[in-house]
N, C-alpha and C. Protein backbone atom coordinates (compact mmCIF):
# COMPACT_ATOMS: atom_id res chain seq x y z
N UNK A 1 108.87 228.54 123.02
CA UNK A 1 108.23 227.55 123.88
C UNK A 1 107.45 226.57 123.02
N UNK A 2 107.66 225.32 123.26
CA UNK A 2 106.99 224.28 122.50
C UNK A 2 105.55 224.13 122.98
N UNK A 3 104.63 224.05 122.00
CA UNK A 3 103.22 223.87 122.33
C UNK A 3 102.94 222.40 122.64
N UNK A 4 102.03 222.20 123.59
CA UNK A 4 101.65 220.85 123.97
C UNK A 4 100.57 220.34 123.01
N UNK A 5 100.75 219.15 122.47
CA UNK A 5 99.77 218.55 121.56
C UNK A 5 98.64 217.91 122.36
N UNK A 6 97.41 218.24 121.95
CA UNK A 6 96.20 217.68 122.58
C UNK A 6 95.20 217.34 121.49
N UNK A 7 94.23 216.48 121.81
CA UNK A 7 93.17 216.20 120.83
C UNK A 7 91.99 217.15 121.06
N UNK A 8 90.99 217.05 120.21
CA UNK A 8 89.87 217.99 120.28
C UNK A 8 89.06 217.87 121.57
N UNK A 9 88.92 216.69 122.12
CA UNK A 9 88.15 216.53 123.36
C UNK A 9 88.87 217.22 124.53
N UNK A 10 90.20 217.06 124.57
CA UNK A 10 90.98 217.74 125.61
C UNK A 10 90.90 219.25 125.41
N UNK A 11 90.94 219.68 124.15
CA UNK A 11 90.86 221.11 123.85
C UNK A 11 89.52 221.69 124.32
N UNK A 12 88.44 220.95 124.10
CA UNK A 12 87.11 221.41 124.52
C UNK A 12 87.07 221.62 126.03
N UNK A 13 87.61 220.66 126.78
CA UNK A 13 87.64 220.78 128.24
C UNK A 13 88.42 222.04 128.67
N UNK A 14 89.56 222.25 128.04
CA UNK A 14 90.39 223.41 128.39
C UNK A 14 89.72 224.72 128.01
N UNK A 15 89.11 224.76 126.83
CA UNK A 15 88.44 225.99 126.39
C UNK A 15 87.26 226.33 127.29
N UNK A 16 86.55 225.31 127.75
CA UNK A 16 85.42 225.55 128.66
C UNK A 16 85.89 226.12 130.00
N UNK A 17 87.13 225.81 130.37
CA UNK A 17 87.71 226.35 131.61
C UNK A 17 88.33 227.73 131.38
N UNK A 18 88.39 228.16 130.10
CA UNK A 18 88.96 229.47 129.80
C UNK A 18 90.47 229.47 129.67
N UNK A 19 91.05 228.31 129.43
CA UNK A 19 92.51 228.20 129.30
C UNK A 19 93.00 228.96 128.06
N UNK A 20 94.25 229.40 128.12
CA UNK A 20 94.91 230.06 126.99
C UNK A 20 95.31 229.00 125.98
N UNK A 21 94.64 228.97 124.85
CA UNK A 21 94.88 227.92 123.86
C UNK A 21 96.13 228.16 123.03
N UNK A 22 96.77 229.30 123.21
CA UNK A 22 98.02 229.58 122.50
C UNK A 22 99.14 228.64 122.96
N UNK A 23 98.93 228.01 124.12
CA UNK A 23 99.93 227.09 124.66
C UNK A 23 99.80 225.68 124.09
N UNK A 24 98.77 225.45 123.27
CA UNK A 24 98.46 224.10 122.80
C UNK A 24 98.34 224.06 121.28
N UNK A 25 98.55 222.89 120.75
CA UNK A 25 98.24 222.62 119.34
C UNK A 25 97.26 221.45 119.34
N UNK A 26 96.16 221.63 118.62
CA UNK A 26 95.12 220.61 118.59
C UNK A 26 95.37 219.68 117.41
N UNK A 27 95.56 218.41 117.73
CA UNK A 27 95.71 217.38 116.70
C UNK A 27 94.39 216.61 116.65
N UNK A 28 93.64 216.88 115.62
CA UNK A 28 92.31 216.29 115.49
C UNK A 28 92.38 214.83 115.08
N UNK A 29 91.46 214.04 115.67
CA UNK A 29 91.30 212.66 115.26
C UNK A 29 89.87 212.51 114.74
N UNK A 30 89.39 211.30 114.57
CA UNK A 30 88.04 211.12 114.00
C UNK A 30 86.93 211.11 115.05
N UNK A 31 87.26 211.46 116.27
CA UNK A 31 86.25 211.52 117.34
C UNK A 31 85.33 212.73 117.08
N UNK A 32 84.00 212.52 117.14
CA UNK A 32 83.07 213.61 116.79
C UNK A 32 83.07 214.76 117.79
N UNK A 33 82.74 215.93 117.25
CA UNK A 33 82.58 217.15 118.04
C UNK A 33 81.13 217.58 117.88
N UNK A 34 80.47 217.89 118.99
CA UNK A 34 79.09 218.37 118.90
C UNK A 34 79.08 219.74 118.23
N UNK A 35 78.06 219.98 117.44
CA UNK A 35 77.98 221.20 116.64
C UNK A 35 78.16 222.46 117.49
N UNK A 36 77.53 222.52 118.64
CA UNK A 36 77.66 223.73 119.47
C UNK A 36 79.08 223.93 119.99
N UNK A 37 79.82 222.86 120.15
CA UNK A 37 81.19 222.97 120.64
C UNK A 37 82.13 223.58 119.59
N UNK A 38 81.71 223.58 118.34
CA UNK A 38 82.56 224.17 117.30
C UNK A 38 82.76 225.66 117.52
N UNK A 39 81.81 226.30 118.21
CA UNK A 39 81.96 227.73 118.50
C UNK A 39 83.17 227.99 119.40
N UNK A 40 83.49 227.05 120.26
CA UNK A 40 84.68 227.20 121.10
C UNK A 40 85.94 227.29 120.24
N UNK A 41 85.99 226.46 119.21
CA UNK A 41 87.14 226.48 118.30
C UNK A 41 87.19 227.79 117.52
N UNK A 42 86.04 228.23 117.05
CA UNK A 42 85.99 229.49 116.30
C UNK A 42 86.45 230.65 117.19
N UNK A 43 85.94 230.69 118.41
CA UNK A 43 86.31 231.77 119.34
C UNK A 43 87.80 231.78 119.66
N UNK A 44 88.45 230.63 119.53
CA UNK A 44 89.88 230.52 119.83
C UNK A 44 90.74 230.44 118.57
N UNK A 45 90.14 230.79 117.43
CA UNK A 45 90.85 230.81 116.14
C UNK A 45 91.51 229.47 115.82
N UNK A 46 90.80 228.38 116.13
CA UNK A 46 91.30 227.04 115.82
C UNK A 46 90.41 226.47 114.73
N UNK A 47 91.02 226.17 113.59
CA UNK A 47 90.27 225.65 112.46
C UNK A 47 90.07 224.14 112.60
N UNK A 48 88.84 223.70 112.38
CA UNK A 48 88.54 222.27 112.38
C UNK A 48 88.82 221.78 110.96
N UNK A 49 89.81 220.90 110.80
CA UNK A 49 90.27 220.54 109.46
C UNK A 49 89.31 219.69 108.64
N UNK A 50 88.42 218.98 109.29
CA UNK A 50 87.51 218.09 108.57
C UNK A 50 86.13 218.21 109.20
N UNK A 51 85.23 218.88 108.50
CA UNK A 51 83.91 219.12 109.09
C UNK A 51 83.07 217.86 109.23
N UNK A 52 83.53 216.75 108.67
CA UNK A 52 82.80 215.48 108.83
C UNK A 52 82.81 214.99 110.27
N UNK A 53 83.69 215.52 111.11
CA UNK A 53 83.71 215.09 112.50
C UNK A 53 82.72 215.88 113.36
N UNK A 54 82.08 216.89 112.76
CA UNK A 54 81.09 217.67 113.50
C UNK A 54 79.80 216.88 113.57
N UNK A 55 79.30 216.69 114.80
CA UNK A 55 78.12 215.87 115.05
C UNK A 55 76.92 216.78 115.29
N UNK A 56 75.87 216.56 114.50
CA UNK A 56 74.62 217.31 114.63
C UNK A 56 73.56 216.37 115.17
N UNK A 57 73.01 216.69 116.32
CA UNK A 57 71.95 215.87 116.91
C UNK A 57 70.62 216.60 116.73
N UNK A 58 70.04 216.44 115.54
CA UNK A 58 68.81 217.15 115.21
C UNK A 58 67.65 216.79 116.13
N UNK A 59 67.67 215.60 116.70
CA UNK A 59 66.57 215.19 117.58
C UNK A 59 66.51 216.02 118.86
N UNK A 60 67.62 216.61 119.25
CA UNK A 60 67.65 217.38 120.49
C UNK A 60 67.61 218.89 120.28
N UNK A 61 67.26 219.32 119.08
CA UNK A 61 67.14 220.76 118.83
C UNK A 61 65.83 221.25 119.42
N UNK A 62 65.91 222.31 120.20
CA UNK A 62 64.73 222.88 120.82
C UNK A 62 64.16 223.97 119.91
N UNK A 63 63.02 223.69 119.31
CA UNK A 63 62.38 224.64 118.41
C UNK A 63 61.30 225.47 119.11
N UNK A 64 61.16 225.31 120.41
CA UNK A 64 60.04 225.94 121.12
C UNK A 64 60.09 227.47 121.08
N UNK A 65 61.27 228.05 120.89
CA UNK A 65 61.36 229.51 120.86
C UNK A 65 61.19 230.08 119.45
N UNK A 66 60.91 229.22 118.47
CA UNK A 66 60.70 229.68 117.10
C UNK A 66 59.21 229.70 116.83
N UNK A 67 58.65 230.88 116.58
CA UNK A 67 57.20 230.96 116.33
C UNK A 67 56.85 230.34 114.99
N UNK A 68 55.62 229.83 114.86
CA UNK A 68 55.21 229.26 113.57
C UNK A 68 55.15 230.36 112.51
N UNK A 69 55.29 229.96 111.25
CA UNK A 69 55.22 230.93 110.16
C UNK A 69 53.81 231.48 110.04
N UNK A 70 53.73 232.76 109.72
CA UNK A 70 52.42 233.39 109.51
C UNK A 70 51.96 233.11 108.09
N UNK A 71 50.68 233.38 107.82
CA UNK A 71 50.15 233.21 106.47
C UNK A 71 50.89 234.10 105.48
N UNK A 72 51.25 235.31 105.91
CA UNK A 72 51.98 236.23 105.03
C UNK A 72 53.36 235.66 104.68
N UNK A 73 54.05 235.09 105.67
CA UNK A 73 55.37 234.51 105.42
C UNK A 73 55.26 233.31 104.48
N UNK A 74 54.24 232.48 104.69
CA UNK A 74 54.04 231.32 103.82
C UNK A 74 53.74 231.76 102.39
N UNK A 75 52.95 232.82 102.27
CA UNK A 75 52.60 233.34 100.95
C UNK A 75 53.84 233.89 100.24
N UNK A 76 54.70 234.56 101.00
CA UNK A 76 55.94 235.10 100.42
C UNK A 76 56.87 233.98 99.98
N UNK A 77 56.84 232.88 100.70
CA UNK A 77 57.70 231.74 100.35
C UNK A 77 57.18 231.01 99.12
N UNK A 78 55.92 231.19 98.81
CA UNK A 78 55.29 230.48 97.70
C UNK A 78 56.08 230.66 96.41
N UNK A 79 56.51 231.87 96.14
CA UNK A 79 57.24 232.11 94.90
C UNK A 79 58.63 231.48 94.94
N UNK A 80 59.23 231.44 96.10
CA UNK A 80 60.56 230.85 96.23
C UNK A 80 60.51 229.35 96.07
N UNK A 81 59.50 228.73 96.65
CA UNK A 81 59.39 227.28 96.62
C UNK A 81 58.83 226.77 95.29
N UNK A 82 57.79 227.42 94.79
CA UNK A 82 57.07 226.87 93.66
C UNK A 82 57.62 227.26 92.28
N UNK A 83 58.17 228.46 92.14
CA UNK A 83 58.55 228.89 90.80
C UNK A 83 59.97 229.47 90.75
N UNK A 84 60.93 228.82 91.36
CA UNK A 84 62.27 229.42 91.38
C UNK A 84 63.00 229.36 90.05
N UNK A 85 62.67 228.39 89.20
CA UNK A 85 63.43 228.21 87.97
C UNK A 85 62.66 228.63 86.72
N UNK A 86 61.53 229.26 86.91
CA UNK A 86 60.73 229.67 85.77
C UNK A 86 60.88 231.18 85.60
N UNK A 87 61.49 231.60 84.50
CA UNK A 87 61.64 233.05 84.29
C UNK A 87 60.28 233.67 83.95
N UNK A 88 59.86 234.58 84.77
CA UNK A 88 58.56 235.23 84.58
C UNK A 88 58.71 236.74 84.70
N UNK A 89 57.83 237.43 84.03
CA UNK A 89 57.74 238.89 84.14
C UNK A 89 57.38 239.25 85.58
N UNK A 90 57.89 240.36 86.08
CA UNK A 90 57.62 240.77 87.46
C UNK A 90 56.13 240.90 87.75
N UNK A 91 55.39 241.39 86.78
CA UNK A 91 53.94 241.56 86.97
C UNK A 91 53.26 240.20 87.16
N UNK A 92 53.69 239.21 86.40
CA UNK A 92 53.12 237.86 86.51
C UNK A 92 53.50 237.25 87.85
N UNK A 93 54.76 237.42 88.26
CA UNK A 93 55.20 236.90 89.56
C UNK A 93 54.35 237.50 90.69
N UNK A 94 54.15 238.80 90.63
CA UNK A 94 53.36 239.48 91.68
C UNK A 94 51.93 238.93 91.69
N UNK A 95 51.34 238.76 90.50
CA UNK A 95 49.99 238.23 90.40
C UNK A 95 49.92 236.83 91.00
N UNK A 96 50.91 235.97 90.68
CA UNK A 96 50.91 234.61 91.22
C UNK A 96 51.05 234.60 92.73
N UNK A 97 51.93 235.44 93.25
CA UNK A 97 52.14 235.48 94.70
C UNK A 97 50.89 235.93 95.45
N UNK A 98 50.09 236.78 94.82
CA UNK A 98 48.90 237.31 95.48
C UNK A 98 47.65 236.48 95.19
N UNK A 99 47.79 235.44 94.40
CA UNK A 99 46.62 234.63 94.04
C UNK A 99 46.56 233.38 94.92
N UNK A 100 45.47 232.69 94.79
CA UNK A 100 45.29 231.43 95.51
C UNK A 100 45.54 230.24 94.59
N UNK A 101 46.24 230.48 93.50
CA UNK A 101 46.48 229.43 92.50
C UNK A 101 47.51 228.44 93.02
N UNK A 102 47.20 227.17 92.83
CA UNK A 102 48.16 226.10 93.12
C UNK A 102 49.07 226.01 91.90
N UNK A 103 50.25 226.58 92.02
CA UNK A 103 51.15 226.70 90.87
C UNK A 103 51.55 225.34 90.31
N UNK A 104 51.79 224.38 91.18
CA UNK A 104 52.18 223.05 90.71
C UNK A 104 51.04 222.41 89.90
N UNK A 105 49.83 222.54 90.39
CA UNK A 105 48.69 221.98 89.66
C UNK A 105 48.49 222.70 88.33
N UNK A 106 48.57 224.03 88.36
CA UNK A 106 48.41 224.82 87.14
C UNK A 106 49.45 224.43 86.10
N UNK A 107 50.70 224.34 86.53
CA UNK A 107 51.79 223.98 85.62
C UNK A 107 51.56 222.60 85.02
N UNK A 108 51.19 221.66 85.86
CA UNK A 108 50.92 220.31 85.39
C UNK A 108 49.79 220.29 84.36
N UNK A 109 48.69 220.98 84.66
CA UNK A 109 47.54 220.99 83.75
C UNK A 109 47.87 221.69 82.44
N UNK A 110 48.61 222.79 82.52
CA UNK A 110 48.98 223.50 81.29
C UNK A 110 49.88 222.66 80.40
N UNK A 111 50.85 222.00 80.99
CA UNK A 111 51.76 221.17 80.21
C UNK A 111 51.05 219.97 79.60
N UNK A 112 50.18 219.33 80.36
CA UNK A 112 49.44 218.20 79.82
C UNK A 112 48.51 218.63 78.69
N UNK A 113 47.82 219.73 78.89
CA UNK A 113 46.93 220.26 77.86
C UNK A 113 47.70 220.59 76.59
N UNK A 114 48.83 221.24 76.76
CA UNK A 114 49.68 221.60 75.63
C UNK A 114 50.15 220.34 74.89
N UNK A 115 50.57 219.36 75.64
CA UNK A 115 51.05 218.10 75.08
C UNK A 115 49.95 217.42 74.24
N UNK A 116 48.77 217.25 74.83
CA UNK A 116 47.70 216.53 74.14
C UNK A 116 47.19 217.30 72.93
N UNK A 117 47.17 218.61 73.00
CA UNK A 117 46.75 219.41 71.84
C UNK A 117 47.77 219.30 70.72
N UNK A 118 49.04 219.25 71.07
CA UNK A 118 50.07 219.08 70.04
C UNK A 118 49.95 217.72 69.37
N UNK A 119 49.66 216.69 70.14
CA UNK A 119 49.47 215.36 69.56
C UNK A 119 48.30 215.38 68.58
N UNK A 120 47.22 216.02 68.98
CA UNK A 120 46.03 216.09 68.13
C UNK A 120 46.33 216.84 66.84
N UNK A 121 47.06 217.93 66.96
CA UNK A 121 47.42 218.72 65.78
C UNK A 121 48.32 217.90 64.85
N UNK A 122 49.29 217.22 65.41
CA UNK A 122 50.22 216.42 64.59
C UNK A 122 49.50 215.28 63.87
N UNK A 123 48.46 214.73 64.48
CA UNK A 123 47.71 213.63 63.86
C UNK A 123 46.89 214.13 62.67
N UNK A 124 46.51 215.39 62.68
CA UNK A 124 45.71 215.95 61.62
C UNK A 124 46.55 216.35 60.40
N UNK A 125 47.85 216.29 60.51
CA UNK A 125 48.70 216.64 59.37
C UNK A 125 49.04 215.45 58.57
């Protein structure tokens, strides 16, 4: 049996009605698909060939059911955000995570101090 060719918008309408998608072949065009509608394709084992057609409307995301981060969660994130590329001993990492030190400020001050002291030393030679 030959499958009927439809576009993604027609496919969405049919999937929402619970139609058997095995009877159809979806020929995608450049018309956008809302991000939540992509689940319909996943549930029906239909691959979206170009994810650039997926439309994300961030302005309409409802965040009201997401509680604000706690102080503990923010503190735990501190090491991930502030020092991800600096190899440190585990003991030092733990100390930094439990301290009230502004890592960015500390790093900046240490590097500047190191720089200016090196300049001073080089001038004395």
